[in-house]
Protein backbone atom coordinates (compact mmCIF):
# COMPACT_ATOMS: atom_id res chain seq x y z
CA UNK A 1 63.06 -2.81 -60.23
CA UNK A 2 59.86 -4.62 -59.39
CA UNK A 3 58.59 -6.83 -62.02
CA UNK A 4 55.30 -5.98 -63.70
CA UNK A 5 52.29 -7.78 -62.39
CA UNK A 6 51.24 -10.52 -64.40
CA UNK A 7 48.12 -10.22 -66.46
CA UNK A 8 45.24 -12.68 -65.67
CA UNK A 9 45.03 -15.34 -68.26
CA UNK A 10 42.26 -14.42 -70.88
CA UNK A 11 38.86 -16.01 -70.35
CA UNK A 12 38.31 -18.80 -72.83
CA UNK A 13 35.62 -17.77 -75.34
CA UNK A 14 32.21 -19.19 -74.78
CA UNK A 15 31.77 -22.54 -76.39
CA UNK A 16 29.42 -22.05 -79.38
CA UNK A 17 26.34 -24.28 -79.21
CA UNK A 18 24.90 -25.98 -82.25
CA UNK A 19 22.52 -23.65 -84.35
CA UNK A 20 18.84 -23.93 -83.24
CA UNK A 21 15.72 -23.46 -85.32
CA UNK A 22 12.33 -22.90 -83.60
CA UNK A 23 9.36 -23.89 -85.69
CA UNK A 24 5.68 -23.07 -85.04
CA UNK A 25 2.51 -24.08 -86.83
CA UNK A 26 -0.55 -22.05 -85.91
CA UNK A 27 -3.99 -20.70 -86.70
CA UNK A 28 -5.99 -17.99 -84.86
CA UNK A 29 -3.51 -17.71 -82.04
CA UNK A 30 -3.45 -14.01 -81.35
CA UNK A 31 -4.12 -14.17 -77.69
CA UNK A 32 -1.27 -16.72 -77.09
CA UNK A 33 1.48 -16.44 -79.61
CA UNK A 34 3.13 -13.20 -78.39
CA UNK A 35 4.13 -14.92 -75.12
CA UNK A 36 5.31 -18.04 -77.14
CA UNK A 37 7.51 -15.87 -79.45
CA UNK A 38 8.82 -13.69 -76.56
CA UNK A 39 10.22 -16.89 -74.84
CA UNK A 40 12.42 -17.70 -77.78
CA UNK A 41 13.10 -14.29 -79.49
CA UNK A 42 16.80 -13.38 -79.38
CA UNK A 43 17.77 -16.90 -78.25
CA UNK A 44 16.91 -19.00 -81.34
CA UNK A 45 19.05 -18.62 -84.45
CA UNK A 46 15.66 -18.44 -86.49
CA UNK A 47 12.04 -18.77 -86.06
CA UNK A 48 10.03 -20.32 -88.73
CA UNK A 49 6.23 -19.79 -88.53
CA UNK A 50 3.58 -21.66 -90.77
CA UNK A 51 0.13 -20.02 -90.41
CA UNK A 52 -2.96 -21.85 -91.88
CA UNK A 53 -5.19 -18.90 -92.54
CA UNK A 54 -5.66 -17.05 -89.23
CA UNK A 55 -8.23 -14.17 -89.29
CA UNK A 56 -7.42 -12.77 -85.80
CA UNK A 57 -4.22 -10.76 -86.54
CA UNK A 58 -1.86 -13.64 -85.63
CA UNK A 59 0.35 -13.17 -88.62
CA UNK A 60 0.79 -9.51 -87.93
CA UNK A 61 2.05 -10.27 -84.43
CA UNK A 62 4.28 -13.05 -85.69
CA UNK A 63 5.96 -10.63 -88.41
CA UNK A 64 7.18 -8.54 -85.35
CA UNK A 65 9.50 -11.45 -84.49
CA UNK A 66 10.53 -13.12 -87.70
CA UNK A 67 10.24 -12.65 -91.37
CA UNK A 68 10.04 -16.43 -91.96
CA UNK A 69 6.24 -16.40 -92.02
CA UNK A 70 4.46 -18.62 -94.38
CA UNK A 71 0.66 -18.55 -94.73
CA UNK A 72 -0.76 -21.63 -96.25
CA UNK A 73 -3.61 -24.09 -96.35
CA UNK A 74 -4.29 -26.79 -93.81
CA UNK A 75 -3.20 -30.23 -94.77
CA UNK A 76 -3.11 -31.70 -91.36
CA UNK A 77 -0.64 -31.75 -88.43
CA UNK A 78 1.93 -34.09 -89.96
CA UNK A 79 2.08 -32.69 -93.53
CA UNK A 80 2.19 -28.95 -92.02
CA UNK A 81 4.99 -29.65 -89.69
CA UNK A 82 6.98 -31.13 -92.53
CA UNK A 83 6.38 -28.01 -94.51
CA UNK A 84 7.83 -25.99 -91.62
CA UNK A 85 10.67 -28.43 -91.12
CA UNK A 86 11.80 -28.00 -94.73
CA UNK A 87 12.56 -24.34 -94.17
CA UNK A 88 14.69 -24.87 -91.12
CA UNK A 89 18.34 -24.55 -91.46
CA UNK A 90 19.61 -25.11 -87.89
CA UNK A 91 21.55 -28.19 -86.71
CA UNK A 92 18.71 -28.74 -84.29
CA UNK A 93 15.05 -27.96 -84.41
CA UNK A 94 12.67 -26.88 -81.56
CA UNK A 95 9.01 -27.82 -82.51
CA UNK A 96 7.06 -25.37 -80.54
CA UNK A 97 3.46 -24.73 -80.20
CA UNK A 98 1.71 -21.32 -79.79
CA UNK A 99 0.39 -22.36 -76.35
CA UNK A 100 3.89 -23.13 -75.06
CA UNK A 101 6.54 -20.99 -73.45
CA UNK A 102 10.34 -21.84 -73.12
CA UNK A 103 11.32 -20.83 -69.59
CA UNK A 104 14.92 -19.17 -68.80
CA UNK A 105 15.75 -22.48 -67.05
CA UNK A 106 14.98 -24.49 -70.03
CA UNK A 107 16.78 -22.22 -72.40
CA UNK A 108 20.07 -22.42 -70.18
CA UNK A 109 19.89 -26.19 -70.14
CA UNK A 110 19.32 -26.40 -73.85
CA UNK A 111 22.35 -24.21 -74.45
CA UNK A 112 24.44 -26.21 -72.33
CA UNK A 113 23.51 -29.50 -74.02
CA UNK A 114 23.82 -28.16 -77.49
CA UNK A 115 27.24 -26.77 -76.65
CA UNK A 116 28.52 -30.17 -75.50
CA UNK A 117 30.86 -31.50 -78.20
CA UNK A 118 30.20 -35.04 -76.96
CA UNK A 119 26.45 -34.76 -76.93
CA UNK A 120 25.37 -38.36 -77.36
CA UNK A 121 21.64 -37.67 -78.15
CA UNK A 122 19.68 -36.94 -81.32
CA UNK A 123 16.37 -36.09 -79.32
CA UNK A 124 16.01 -34.12 -76.23
CA UNK A 125 12.77 -34.39 -74.22
CA UNK A 126 11.59 -31.94 -71.62
CA UNK A 127 8.88 -32.27 -68.95
CA UNK A 128 5.36 -30.52 -69.69
CA UNK A 129 4.37 -28.30 -67.02
CA UNK A 130 0.68 -28.08 -68.23
CA UNK A 131 -1.45 -25.34 -66.76
CA UNK A 132 -5.13 -26.25 -65.87
CA UNK A 133 -7.40 -23.59 -64.42
CA UNK A 134 -4.79 -21.66 -62.72
CA UNK A 135 -2.33 -24.32 -61.48
CA UNK A 136 0.04 -26.86 -63.18
CA UNK A 137 -0.86 -30.34 -63.14
CA UNK A 138 1.82 -32.57 -61.31
CA UNK A 139 0.54 -35.95 -62.63
CA UNK A 140 -0.87 -37.86 -65.48
CA UNK A 141 -0.65 -37.69 -69.12
CA UNK A 142 -0.05 -34.01 -69.48
CA UNK A 143 3.16 -34.05 -67.50
CA UNK A 144 5.04 -36.64 -69.66
CA UNK A 145 8.26 -35.58 -71.12
CA UNK A 146 7.80 -34.41 -74.64
CA UNK A 147 10.14 -35.00 -77.60
CA UNK A 148 10.21 -31.33 -79.11
CA UNK A 149 13.88 -30.90 -79.59
CA UNK A 150 15.90 -32.87 -82.13
CA UNK A 151 18.57 -33.09 -84.63
CA UNK A 152 17.25 -31.93 -87.90
CA UNK A 153 19.31 -34.01 -90.43
CA UNK A 154 17.04 -36.73 -91.98
CA UNK A 155 14.05 -36.10 -89.54
CA UNK A 156 10.64 -35.78 -90.79
CA UNK A 157 7.07 -36.26 -89.52
CA UNK A 158 4.49 -39.05 -90.41
CA UNK A 159 1.84 -37.65 -92.54
CA UNK A 160 -0.88 -38.14 -90.02
CA UNK A 161 -3.60 -35.73 -89.39
CA UNK A 162 -3.24 -35.59 -85.59
CA UNK A 163 -0.64 -37.08 -83.11
CA UNK A 164 1.99 -37.15 -85.78
CA UNK A 165 5.20 -38.87 -84.72
CA UNK A 166 8.80 -37.95 -85.70
CA UNK A 167 10.79 -40.29 -87.91
CA UNK A 168 14.51 -40.10 -87.43
CA UNK A 169 17.49 -42.11 -89.12
CA UNK A 170 18.91 -42.67 -85.65
CA UNK A 171 17.23 -41.81 -82.45
CA UNK A 172 18.77 -41.70 -78.97
CA UNK A 173 16.68 -39.92 -76.40
CA UNK A 174 17.90 -37.70 -73.54
CA UNK A 175 15.82 -36.16 -70.82
CA UNK A 176 16.15 -32.51 -69.68
CA UNK A 177 15.10 -31.46 -66.20
CA UNK A 178 13.69 -28.03 -66.82
CA UNK A 179 10.08 -27.99 -67.81
CA UNK A 180 8.28 -26.52 -70.74
CA UNK A 181 5.27 -24.35 -69.86
CA UNK A 182 2.11 -25.59 -71.64
CA UNK A 183 -1.17 -23.42 -71.62
CA UNK A 184 -3.33 -25.63 -73.67
CA UNK A 185 -6.80 -24.72 -72.90
CA UNK A 186 -8.30 -21.16 -72.65
CA UNK A 187 -11.40 -22.43 -70.71
CA UNK A 188 -13.59 -25.42 -70.05
CA UNK A 189 -15.27 -25.24 -73.43
CA UNK A 190 -12.03 -25.00 -75.47
CA UNK A 191 -10.71 -28.05 -73.50
CA UNK A 192 -13.87 -30.18 -74.42
CA UNK A 193 -13.83 -28.86 -77.94
CA UNK A 194 -10.16 -29.54 -78.43
CA UNK A 195 -10.25 -33.14 -77.04
CA UNK A 196 -13.46 -33.79 -79.30
CA UNK A 197 -11.72 -32.34 -82.42
CA UNK A 198 -8.74 -34.68 -81.75
CA UNK A 199 -10.94 -37.74 -81.21
CA UNK A 200 -12.79 -37.24 -84.50
CA UNK A 201 -9.63 -36.80 -86.42
CA UNK A 202 -7.94 -39.92 -84.82
CA UNK A 203 -11.17 -41.94 -85.55
CA UNK A 204 -11.08 -40.91 -89.20
CA UNK A 205 -7.36 -41.92 -89.29
CA UNK A 206 -8.16 -45.32 -87.72
CA UNK A 207 -11.08 -45.71 -90.21
CA UNK A 208 -8.95 -45.07 -93.22
CA UNK A 209 -6.40 -47.60 -91.89
CA UNK A 210 -9.19 -50.18 -91.70
CA UNK A 211 -9.57 -50.39 -87.90
CA UNK A 212 -12.94 -50.98 -86.39
CA UNK A 213 -14.71 -49.97 -83.20
CA UNK A 214 -17.84 -50.53 -81.31
CA UNK A 215 -19.88 -48.98 -78.67
CA UNK A 216 -18.88 -51.57 -76.24
CA UNK A 217 -15.20 -50.59 -76.89
CA UNK A 218 -16.00 -46.92 -76.61
CA UNK A 219 -17.65 -47.56 -73.11
CA UNK A 220 -14.98 -49.81 -71.96
CA UNK A 221 -12.31 -47.35 -72.90
CA UNK A 222 -14.14 -44.49 -70.93
CA UNK A 223 -13.63 -46.40 -67.59
CA UNK A 224 -10.32 -47.99 -68.30
CA UNK A 225 -8.76 -44.64 -69.40
CA UNK A 226 -10.32 -42.89 -66.41
CA UNK A 227 -8.94 -45.34 -63.99
CA UNK A 228 -5.54 -45.22 -65.65
CA UNK A 229 -5.24 -41.42 -65.26
CA UNK A 230 -6.95 -40.97 -61.90
CA UNK A 231 -5.52 -44.00 -60.15
CA UNK A 232 -2.48 -45.40 -61.87
CA UNK A 233 -1.05 -42.20 -62.95
CA UNK A 234 -1.85 -40.50 -59.72
CA UNK A 235 -4.17 -37.58 -60.98
CA UNK A 236 -6.04 -38.06 -57.66
CA UNK A 237 -3.25 -36.23 -56.15
CA UNK A 238 -4.03 -33.16 -58.03
CA UNK A 239 -7.27 -32.76 -56.30
CA UNK A 240 -10.32 -31.52 -58.33
CA UNK A 241 -8.15 -30.64 -61.30
CA UNK A 242 -6.90 -34.13 -61.44
CA UNK A 243 -10.40 -35.64 -61.39
CA UNK A 244 -11.69 -33.18 -64.09
CA UNK A 245 -8.81 -33.87 -66.45
CA UNK A 246 -9.25 -37.58 -65.77
CA UNK A 247 -12.89 -37.40 -66.81
CA UNK A 248 -12.07 -35.35 -69.89
CA UNK A 249 -9.44 -37.84 -71.07
CA UNK A 250 -11.99 -40.71 -70.43
CA UNK A 251 -14.47 -38.84 -72.53
CA UNK A 252 -11.75 -38.29 -75.25
CA UNK A 253 -11.26 -42.05 -75.39
CA UNK A 254 -15.05 -42.78 -75.59
CA UNK A 255 -15.47 -40.08 -78.44
CA UNK A 256 -12.63 -41.78 -80.38
CA UNK A 257 -14.11 -45.17 -80.63
CA UNK A 258 -17.63 -44.05 -80.75
CA UNK A 259 -16.86 -41.83 -83.75
CA UNK A 260 -14.91 -44.78 -85.34
CA UNK A 261 -18.06 -46.88 -84.89
CA UNK A 262 -20.18 -44.35 -86.56
CA UNK A 263 -17.95 -44.06 -89.48
CA UNK A 264 -17.87 -47.89 -90.34
CA UNK A 265 -21.62 -48.08 -89.55
CA UNK A 266 -22.68 -45.18 -91.92
CA UNK A 267 -22.48 -47.11 -95.18
CA UNK A 268 -24.55 -50.09 -94.26
CA UNK A 269 -27.24 -47.68 -92.90
CA UNK A 270 -27.44 -45.73 -96.07
CA UNK A 271 -27.80 -48.93 -98.15
CA UNK A 272 -30.52 -50.20 -95.90
CA UNK A 273 -32.53 -46.82 -96.11
CA UNK A 274 -32.17 -46.80 -99.85
CA UNK A 275 -33.41 -50.27 -100.22
CA UNK A 276 -36.29 -49.46 -98.08
CA UNK A 277 -37.30 -46.75 -100.52
CA UNK A 278 -37.03 -48.64 -103.81
CA UNK A 279 -39.95 -47.96 -106.16
CA UNK A 280 -42.51 -50.79 -106.52
CA UNK A 281 -42.10 -51.97 -102.90
């Protein structure tokens, strides 16, 4: 009597990855946030969204993907991210912006990393694939790896109005290979307005910290920042797009220090103007 055929060994169960929260802060992003949410829906364990008063239907779109939606005021980038972070419950947090998309390759790479029981990192960075007028930039500032994915325990953001950094009890960085798609600017006007807004916010932050600027510094930074991006960081290899983004970043540096100078110069001018109009002169 023939022996029964041996059954194949059972496949080992898939190794569970650490739980993952995606958090997003937004305002008036109805034209972009759907693609962002589609890229993480059904993959993240939870999606936490903080909206600061959208009037374009953003909140209605978000509620189709998550019930963790909070409509608040706008306290600045750092404080708002901390509000969102406090609502996250995952072991790891992915801080995503409405103009970003998580590619399938990046999702798969993150799954492998978070399933590794010996994962030595507390922060995972990923390259930015920033799209600029129809094509991705290959060089320069907007291709630098971004620290968007981190272990939640003990993490918090600095209470800065813009360019807020993450504070962690222990930080060990790892670099992923797959890119995060970044569609930062709707058009040329939006690119200029966004950089000008950030420059003025940073100027106010520097002024509050007691830093000073000058028109000479603003002018110098225009030229040095252009050369840094266009030559040293090889934006020249991105053709006209590389030239244009280098000019925009040079303008950004100029606006930052010019705005700082006008902030520190405002009070003395007011005093001088007031003295000139004193009665009895």
